[in-house]
Protein backbone atom coordinates (compact mmCIF):
# COMPACT_ATOMS: atom_id res chain seq x y z
CA MET A 1 -0.04 -0.06 0.01
CA SER A 2 1.40 3.36 -0.93
CA GLU A 3 1.79 6.20 1.37
CA ALA A 4 -0.90 8.27 -0.65
CA MET A 5 -3.50 5.37 -0.05
CA GLY A 6 -2.56 5.31 3.63
CA THR A 7 -3.04 9.04 3.90
CA ARG A 8 -6.41 8.97 2.02
CA ARG A 9 -7.66 6.21 4.34
CA LEU A 10 -6.63 8.21 7.36
CA VAL A 11 -8.36 11.33 6.08
CA GLN A 12 -11.51 9.34 5.28
CA ARG A 13 -11.54 7.76 8.87
CA LEU A 14 -10.97 11.22 10.42
CA LEU A 15 -13.84 12.78 8.48
CA LEU A 16 -16.06 10.00 9.52
CA LEU A 17 -15.21 10.50 13.07
CA VAL A 18 -15.89 14.16 12.73
CA ALA A 19 -19.38 13.50 11.29
CA VAL A 20 -20.08 10.94 14.06
CA MET A 21 -19.02 13.42 16.74
CA PHE A 22 -21.14 16.12 15.04
CA GLY A 23 -24.15 13.94 14.98
CA PHE A 24 -23.67 12.89 18.65
CA GLY A 25 -23.53 16.55 19.52
CA PHE A 26 -27.06 17.05 18.06
CA ALA A 27 -28.29 13.93 19.84
CA LEU A 28 -27.18 15.11 23.21
CA VAL A 29 -30.30 17.38 23.78
CA PRO A 30 -32.86 14.75 23.33
CA ILE A 31 -30.71 12.15 25.34
CA TYR A 32 -30.43 14.74 28.04
CA ASP A 33 -34.27 15.33 28.08
CA VAL A 34 -34.88 11.51 28.22
CA MET A 35 -32.41 11.01 30.99
CA CYS A 36 -33.88 13.91 33.03
CA GLN A 37 -37.37 12.48 32.48
CA ALA A 38 -36.23 8.89 33.43
CA PHE A 39 -34.35 10.00 36.58
CA GLY A 40 -36.66 12.81 37.67
CA ILE A 41 -34.14 15.55 37.56
CA ASN A 42 -34.18 19.09 36.13
CA GLY A 43 -37.81 19.25 35.79
CA LYS A 44 -38.85 22.30 33.79
CA THR A 45 -41.74 24.28 35.01
CA ALA A 46 -45.01 24.54 33.17
CA GLY A 47 -45.91 27.60 31.06
CA ALA A 48 -48.49 30.23 31.89
CA TYR A 49 -51.40 29.25 34.08
CA GLN A 50 -54.50 28.48 31.86
CA GLY A 51 -56.93 27.26 34.37
CA THR A 52 -59.42 29.08 36.50
CA GLN A 53 -57.88 29.92 39.82
CA VAL A 54 -59.76 27.70 42.24
CA VAL A 55 -58.05 27.07 45.58
CA ASP A 56 -57.95 23.62 47.10
CA GLU A 57 -58.22 24.75 50.84
CA MET A 58 -58.37 21.01 51.90
CA ARG A 59 -54.92 20.29 50.59
CA GLN A 60 -51.47 21.47 51.61
CA VAL A 61 -48.23 21.04 49.68
CA ARG A 62 -44.77 21.63 51.13
CA LEU A 63 -42.66 23.74 48.78
CA GLN A 64 -38.93 23.84 49.29
CA PHE A 65 -36.69 26.40 47.76
CA LEU A 66 -33.00 25.97 46.92
CA ALA A 67 -30.46 28.37 45.43
CA THR A 68 -27.07 27.19 44.15
CA ASN A 69 -24.32 28.95 42.20
CA ALA A 70 -22.75 27.43 39.23
CA ALA A 71 -18.88 27.07 39.07
CA GLY A 72 -17.27 30.31 38.83
CA MET A 73 -20.29 32.30 40.20
CA VAL A 74 -19.35 34.48 43.19
CA TRP A 75 -22.63 36.00 44.04
CA GLU A 76 -24.40 35.47 47.38
CA PHE A 77 -27.70 33.84 46.30
CA ARG A 78 -30.49 32.50 48.56
CA PRO A 79 -34.20 32.40 49.19
CA LEU A 80 -35.74 34.39 52.00
CA ALA A 81 -37.27 31.16 53.27
CA ASP A 82 -36.17 27.60 52.88
CA GLU A 83 -39.78 26.31 52.39
CA ILE A 84 -43.45 27.24 52.74
CA THR A 85 -46.74 25.28 52.86
CA VAL A 86 -49.19 26.21 49.88
CA HIS A 87 -52.73 25.30 48.97
CA PRO A 88 -52.86 24.23 45.35
CA GLY A 89 -54.56 26.86 43.19
CA ALA A 90 -53.44 29.83 45.24
CA SER A 91 -51.02 32.44 44.13
CA HIS A 92 -47.76 32.81 46.12
CA GLU A 93 -44.57 34.69 46.06
CA MET A 94 -41.04 34.08 47.24
CA LEU A 95 -38.23 36.46 47.26
CA PHE A 96 -34.56 35.51 46.37
CA VAL A 97 -31.76 37.72 47.45
CA ALA A 98 -28.74 38.24 45.21
CA HIS A 99 -25.71 40.26 46.02
CA ASN A 100 -22.61 41.03 44.03
CA PRO A 101 -19.63 41.20 46.23
CA THR A 102 -17.22 42.04 43.51
CA ASP A 103 -15.81 45.48 42.40
CA LYS A 104 -17.26 45.00 38.87
CA PRO A 105 -20.69 44.85 37.21
CA MET A 106 -21.85 41.31 36.65
CA THR A 107 -24.69 39.66 34.63
CA ALA A 108 -26.25 36.40 35.79
CA GLN A 109 -29.06 34.03 34.53
CA ALA A 110 -31.00 31.81 36.80
CA VAL A 111 -32.04 28.38 35.49
CA PRO A 112 -35.03 26.77 37.42
CA SER A 113 -35.73 23.12 38.08
CA VAL A 114 -38.68 21.51 39.78
CA ALA A 115 -38.62 18.15 41.46
CA PRO A 116 -40.25 15.67 41.28
CA SER A 117 -40.26 16.03 37.54
CA LYS A 118 -43.81 14.71 37.18
CA ALA A 119 -44.97 17.70 39.24
CA ALA A 120 -43.21 20.32 37.02
CA ALA A 121 -46.04 20.44 34.55
CA TYR A 122 -48.33 21.63 37.56
CA PHE A 123 -45.97 24.36 38.65
CA HIS A 124 -46.76 27.73 36.95
CA LYS A 125 -44.60 30.75 37.24
CA THR A 126 -46.51 33.99 36.64
CA GLU A 127 -43.42 36.23 37.26
CA CYS A 128 -39.84 35.25 37.68
CA PHE A 129 -36.47 36.77 37.83
CA CYS A 130 -35.29 33.77 35.77
CA PHE A 131 -37.18 35.15 32.73
CA THR A 132 -34.52 37.88 32.29
CA GLN A 133 -30.88 38.38 32.83
CA GLN A 134 -29.91 40.01 36.05
CA VAL A 135 -27.24 42.81 36.12
CA LEU A 136 -25.88 43.80 39.39
CA GLN A 137 -23.45 46.57 39.99
CA PRO A 138 -20.42 46.29 42.46
CA GLY A 139 -21.74 45.77 45.87
CA GLU A 140 -25.36 45.82 44.78
CA ARG A 141 -27.97 43.65 46.66
CA VAL A 142 -31.43 43.00 45.17
CA GLU A 143 -34.58 41.11 46.07
CA MET A 144 -35.96 39.12 43.14
CA PRO A 145 -39.45 37.84 43.10
CA VAL A 146 -40.91 34.65 41.79
CA ARG A 147 -44.75 34.49 41.64
CA PHE A 148 -46.30 31.13 41.08
CA ILE A 149 -49.35 28.88 41.29
CA VAL A 150 -49.17 25.24 42.16
CA ASP A 151 -51.92 23.76 39.94
CA LYS A 152 -54.91 22.40 41.87
CA ASP A 153 -54.69 19.28 39.64
CA LEU A 154 -51.20 18.39 41.07
CA PRO A 155 -51.39 14.52 41.41
CA GLN A 156 -52.61 13.57 45.01
CA ASP A 157 -49.45 11.53 45.84
CA VAL A 158 -47.22 14.74 45.50
CA LYS A 159 -47.07 16.27 48.79
CA HIS A 160 -43.55 17.94 48.50
CA LEU A 161 -42.11 20.04 45.78
CA THR A 162 -38.72 21.48 45.28
CA LEU A 163 -38.08 24.65 43.31
CA ALA A 164 -34.29 25.04 42.67
CA TYR A 165 -32.42 27.67 40.88
CA THR A 166 -28.79 27.53 39.62
CA LEU A 167 -27.27 30.99 39.06
CA PHE A 168 -24.79 31.29 36.16
CA ASP A 169 -22.29 34.03 35.61
CA ILE A 170 -22.84 35.09 32.00
CA THR A 171 -20.94 38.42 32.12
CA ALA A 172 -18.41 37.17 29.51
CA ARG A 173 -21.22 36.42 27.07
CA LYS A 174 -22.74 39.98 27.18
CA PRO A 175 -21.39 42.31 24.49
CA PRO A 176 -19.42 45.05 26.09
CA VAL A 177 -21.14 48.35 26.61
CA ALA A 178 -19.59 51.12 24.53
CA GLN A 179 -18.09 53.95 26.69
CA ALA A 180 -19.01 57.42 25.80
CA THR A 181 -16.02 59.48 24.70
CA PRO A 182 -15.74 63.08 25.79
C-alpha cells in the first residue's frame, strides 16, 4: 500500500469520526431530556397558568426552595425562606436575594428546576427573575421575586415540591457596553 493510499484512508476515517461526533452533539439534547425524565431531575416548569384559579383549601403541599451557584459564580444567592406550605390553586410569592460582592458589574442568569419532575407540569410561574438576565453593579444587593401557582390538579401523591435555581455568571457572554468619549 502506498503512502498516498494510507493518507487518504486516514483522512476518510478522520472525516467519518468528525461526522459521528457532530451527529452525537445534536443527539445530546434529546438524550439529556430523556435522562432527566427517567431520573426525575431538572424538571422544567409549566408555562402560563391556563385554568381558573380555584384554591384547594383542603390540601397542603410543602414547597422547598434551593439556590445554588454554578462554578465560577461568586454572588451570594438565597431564598428568603427555605420552605413554605401552599394550597394548590392559590397564588404565592417568594423572594430570592442576590448580592454582587465584587468590584465590577456582573450579569447572571438563573435556571429553574422542579422536582419531582412529574410535578413540574403543575408548577406555573407568573413572574420570575429567571425570565431575564440580572445585572448587578459592584456591591449591589437585590430582592428578586418569583410568583407562582401550584396547579390544583397536582397529583394527589405529590405532597412535597422543590423549586431550585442555579445561578450562572454570563458576564463574558454579554457584549461590552460602549463607553462614551468626551
